[in-house]
Amino acid sequence: MTKKHQRFLPWIMNQFALPSDIVSDLPRITILGQLHVYIENHKGLVVYSDTELTLKTHTGLIRITGSGFVLKMMLPQELLLEGTVNDVTYITN
């Protein structure tokens, strides 16, 4: 993102009451207990197994570890993972 955009985005978000994750291309992760993980705004799979899921995002990687993973839904920018989640790690570029 250019410096001009970095200065302009906060003003736009404030003026139009836009959520920062939509404007700044950030991922949204919703975790329901230890059983479900719903991720929006990802850029694709890097690793998928029954114990690990790694996704690309605009600013880095998201790694989820656990056991018994099953991809219940995968759309171009959304994903629903079921299984026992032990850890969620965000790795920046």
C-alpha atoms as a PDB file:
ATOM      1  CA  MET A   1       0.000   0.000   0.000  1.00  0.00           C
ATOM      2  CA  THR A   2       1.383   3.427  -0.886  1.00  0.00           C
ATOM      3  CA  LYS A   3       1.929   6.172   1.685  1.00  0.00           C
ATOM      4  CA  LYS A   4      -0.876   8.177   0.120  1.00  0.00           C
ATOM      5  CA  HIS A   5      -3.297   5.274   0.603  1.00  0.00           C
ATOM      6  CA  GLN A   6      -2.137   4.753   4.194  1.00  0.00           C
ATOM      7  CA  ARG A   7      -3.019   8.363   5.041  1.00  0.00           C
ATOM      8  CA  PHE A   8      -6.264   8.347   3.054  1.00  0.00           C
ATOM      9  CA  LEU A   9      -7.772   5.059   4.316  1.00  0.00           C
ATOM     10  CA  PRO A  10      -8.368   6.117   7.946  1.00  0.00           C
ATOM     11  CA  TRP A  11     -10.226   9.194   6.737  1.00  0.00           C
ATOM     12  CA  ILE A  12     -12.399   7.111   4.363  1.00  0.00           C
ATOM     13  CA  MET A  13     -13.141   4.550   7.098  1.00  0.00           C
ATOM     14  CA  ASN A  14     -14.154   7.298   9.502  1.00  0.00           C
ATOM     15  CA  GLN A  15     -16.285   9.266   7.032  1.00  0.00           C
ATOM     16  CA  PHE A  16     -18.233   6.265   5.745  1.00  0.00           C
ATOM     17  CA  ALA A  17     -18.151   4.096   8.903  1.00  0.00           C
ATOM     18  CA  LEU A  18     -16.506   1.246   6.999  1.00  0.00           C
ATOM     19  CA  PRO A  19     -14.971  -1.696   8.879  1.00  0.00           C
ATOM     20  CA  SER A  20     -11.171  -1.733   8.699  1.00  0.00           C
ATOM     21  CA  ASP A  21     -10.974  -5.384   7.578  1.00  0.00           C
ATOM     22  CA  ILE A  22     -12.926  -4.616   4.393  1.00  0.00           C
ATOM     23  CA  VAL A  23     -11.043  -1.464   3.473  1.00  0.00           C
ATOM     24  CA  SER A  24      -7.543  -2.687   4.331  1.00  0.00           C
ATOM     25  CA  ASP A  25      -7.860  -6.228   2.895  1.00  0.00           C
ATOM     26  CA  LEU A  26      -7.337  -7.910   6.285  1.00  0.00           C
ATOM     27  CA  PRO A  27      -8.514 -11.452   7.038  1.00  0.00           C
ATOM     28  CA  ARG A  28     -11.384 -12.027   9.469  1.00  0.00           C
ATOM     29  CA  ILE A  29     -11.137 -15.150  11.627  1.00  0.00           C
ATOM     30  CA  THR A  30     -14.124 -16.394  13.606  1.00  0.00           C
ATOM     31  CA  ILE A  31     -13.482 -19.278  16.013  1.00  0.00           C
ATOM     32  CA  LEU A  32     -16.377 -21.114  17.634  1.00  0.00           C
ATOM     33  CA  GLY A  33     -15.004 -22.927  20.652  1.00  0.00           C
ATOM     34  CA  GLN A  34     -12.417 -25.486  19.661  1.00  0.00           C
ATOM     35  CA  LEU A  35     -14.541 -26.986  16.866  1.00  0.00           C
ATOM     36  CA  HIS A  36     -15.017 -24.498  13.996  1.00  0.00           C
ATOM     37  CA  VAL A  37     -12.864 -21.852  12.309  1.00  0.00           C
ATOM     38  CA  TYR A  38     -14.392 -19.537   9.692  1.00  0.00           C
ATOM     39  CA  ILE A  39     -11.906 -17.412   7.730  1.00  0.00           C
ATOM     40  CA  GLU A  40     -12.818 -14.631   5.316  1.00  0.00           C
ATOM     41  CA  ASN A  41     -10.577 -12.707   2.920  1.00  0.00           C
ATOM     42  CA  HIS A  42      -7.810 -15.279   2.404  1.00  0.00           C
ATOM     43  CA  LYS A  43      -5.748 -15.672  -0.774  1.00  0.00           C
ATOM     44  CA  GLY A  44      -5.544 -19.475  -0.979  1.00  0.00           C
ATOM     45  CA  LEU A  45      -4.286 -22.667   0.634  1.00  0.00           C
ATOM     46  CA  VAL A  46      -0.597 -23.294   1.264  1.00  0.00           C
ATOM     47  CA  VAL A  47      -0.827 -26.462   3.407  1.00  0.00           C
ATOM     48  CA  TYR A  48      -3.787 -28.681   4.226  1.00  0.00           C
ATOM     49  CA  SER A  49      -3.756 -31.926   6.205  1.00  0.00           C
ATOM     50  CA  ASP A  50      -5.833 -33.433   9.005  1.00  0.00           C
ATOM     51  CA  THR A  51      -3.556 -31.677  11.559  1.00  0.00           C
ATOM     52  CA  GLU A  52      -2.594 -28.359   9.880  1.00  0.00           C
ATOM     53  CA  LEU A  53      -4.085 -25.654   7.686  1.00  0.00           C
ATOM     54  CA  THR A  54      -1.981 -22.765   6.352  1.00  0.00           C
ATOM     55  CA  LEU A  55      -3.524 -19.959   4.306  1.00  0.00           C
ATOM     56  CA  LYS A  56      -2.045 -17.016   2.414  1.00  0.00           C
ATOM     57  CA  THR A  57      -3.345 -13.552   3.237  1.00  0.00           C
ATOM     58  CA  HIS A  58      -2.508 -10.107   1.930  1.00  0.00           C
ATOM     59  CA  THR A  59      -0.102  -9.497   4.826  1.00  0.00           C
ATOM     60  CA  GLY A  60       1.248 -12.980   5.633  1.00  0.00           C
ATOM     61  CA  LEU A  61       0.181 -16.492   6.577  1.00  0.00           C
ATOM     62  CA  ILE A  62      -2.360 -17.951   8.985  1.00  0.00           C
ATOM     63  CA  ARG A  63      -1.427 -21.370  10.410  1.00  0.00           C
ATOM     64  CA  ILE A  64      -3.977 -23.441  12.321  1.00  0.00           C
ATOM     65  CA  THR A  65      -2.922 -26.650  14.038  1.00  0.00           C
ATOM     66  CA  GLY A  66      -4.969 -29.349  15.735  1.00  0.00           C
ATOM     67  CA  SER A  67      -6.479 -32.690  14.783  1.00  0.00           C
ATOM     68  CA  GLY A  68      -9.274 -34.213  12.736  1.00  0.00           C
ATOM     69  CA  PHE A  69      -9.494 -31.293  10.290  1.00  0.00           C
ATOM     70  CA  VAL A  70     -12.163 -31.371   7.593  1.00  0.00           C
ATOM     71  CA  LEU A  71     -12.776 -28.550   5.111  1.00  0.00           C
ATOM     72  CA  LYS A  72     -16.548 -28.125   5.239  1.00  0.00           C
ATOM     73  CA  MET A  73     -16.656 -25.207   2.805  1.00  0.00           C
ATOM     74  CA  MET A  74     -14.128 -23.445   0.599  1.00  0.00           C
ATOM     75  CA  LEU A  75     -15.000 -20.482  -1.592  1.00  0.00           C
ATOM     76  CA  PRO A  76     -12.578 -18.094  -3.344  1.00  0.00           C
ATOM     77  CA  GLN A  77     -12.194 -15.902  -0.222  1.00  0.00           C
ATOM     78  CA  GLU A  78     -13.981 -17.882   2.512  1.00  0.00           C
ATOM     79  CA  LEU A  79     -13.262 -21.138   4.294  1.00  0.00           C
ATOM     80  CA  LEU A  80     -14.918 -23.210   7.032  1.00  0.00           C
ATOM     81  CA  LEU A  81     -12.716 -25.678   8.900  1.00  0.00           C
ATOM     82  CA  GLU A  82     -14.004 -28.259  11.392  1.00  0.00           C
ATOM     83  CA  GLY A  83     -11.925 -30.276  13.824  1.00  0.00           C
ATOM     84  CA  THR A  84     -10.156 -29.840  17.138  1.00  0.00           C
ATOM     85  CA  VAL A  85      -8.260 -26.523  17.027  1.00  0.00           C
ATOM     86  CA  ASN A  86      -5.209 -26.251  19.271  1.00  0.00           C
ATOM     87  CA  ASP A  87      -3.420 -23.168  17.926  1.00  0.00           C
ATOM     88  CA  VAL A  88      -3.909 -20.257  15.505  1.00  0.00           C
ATOM     89  CA  THR A  89      -0.739 -18.417  14.481  1.00  0.00           C
ATOM     90  CA  TYR A  90      -0.405 -15.324  12.298  1.00  0.00           C
ATOM     91  CA  ILE A  91       2.921 -15.109  10.438  1.00  0.00           C
ATOM     92  CA  THR A  92       3.722 -11.718   8.870  1.00  0.00           C
ATOM     93  CA  ASN A  93       5.738 -11.236   5.674  1.00  0.00           C
END
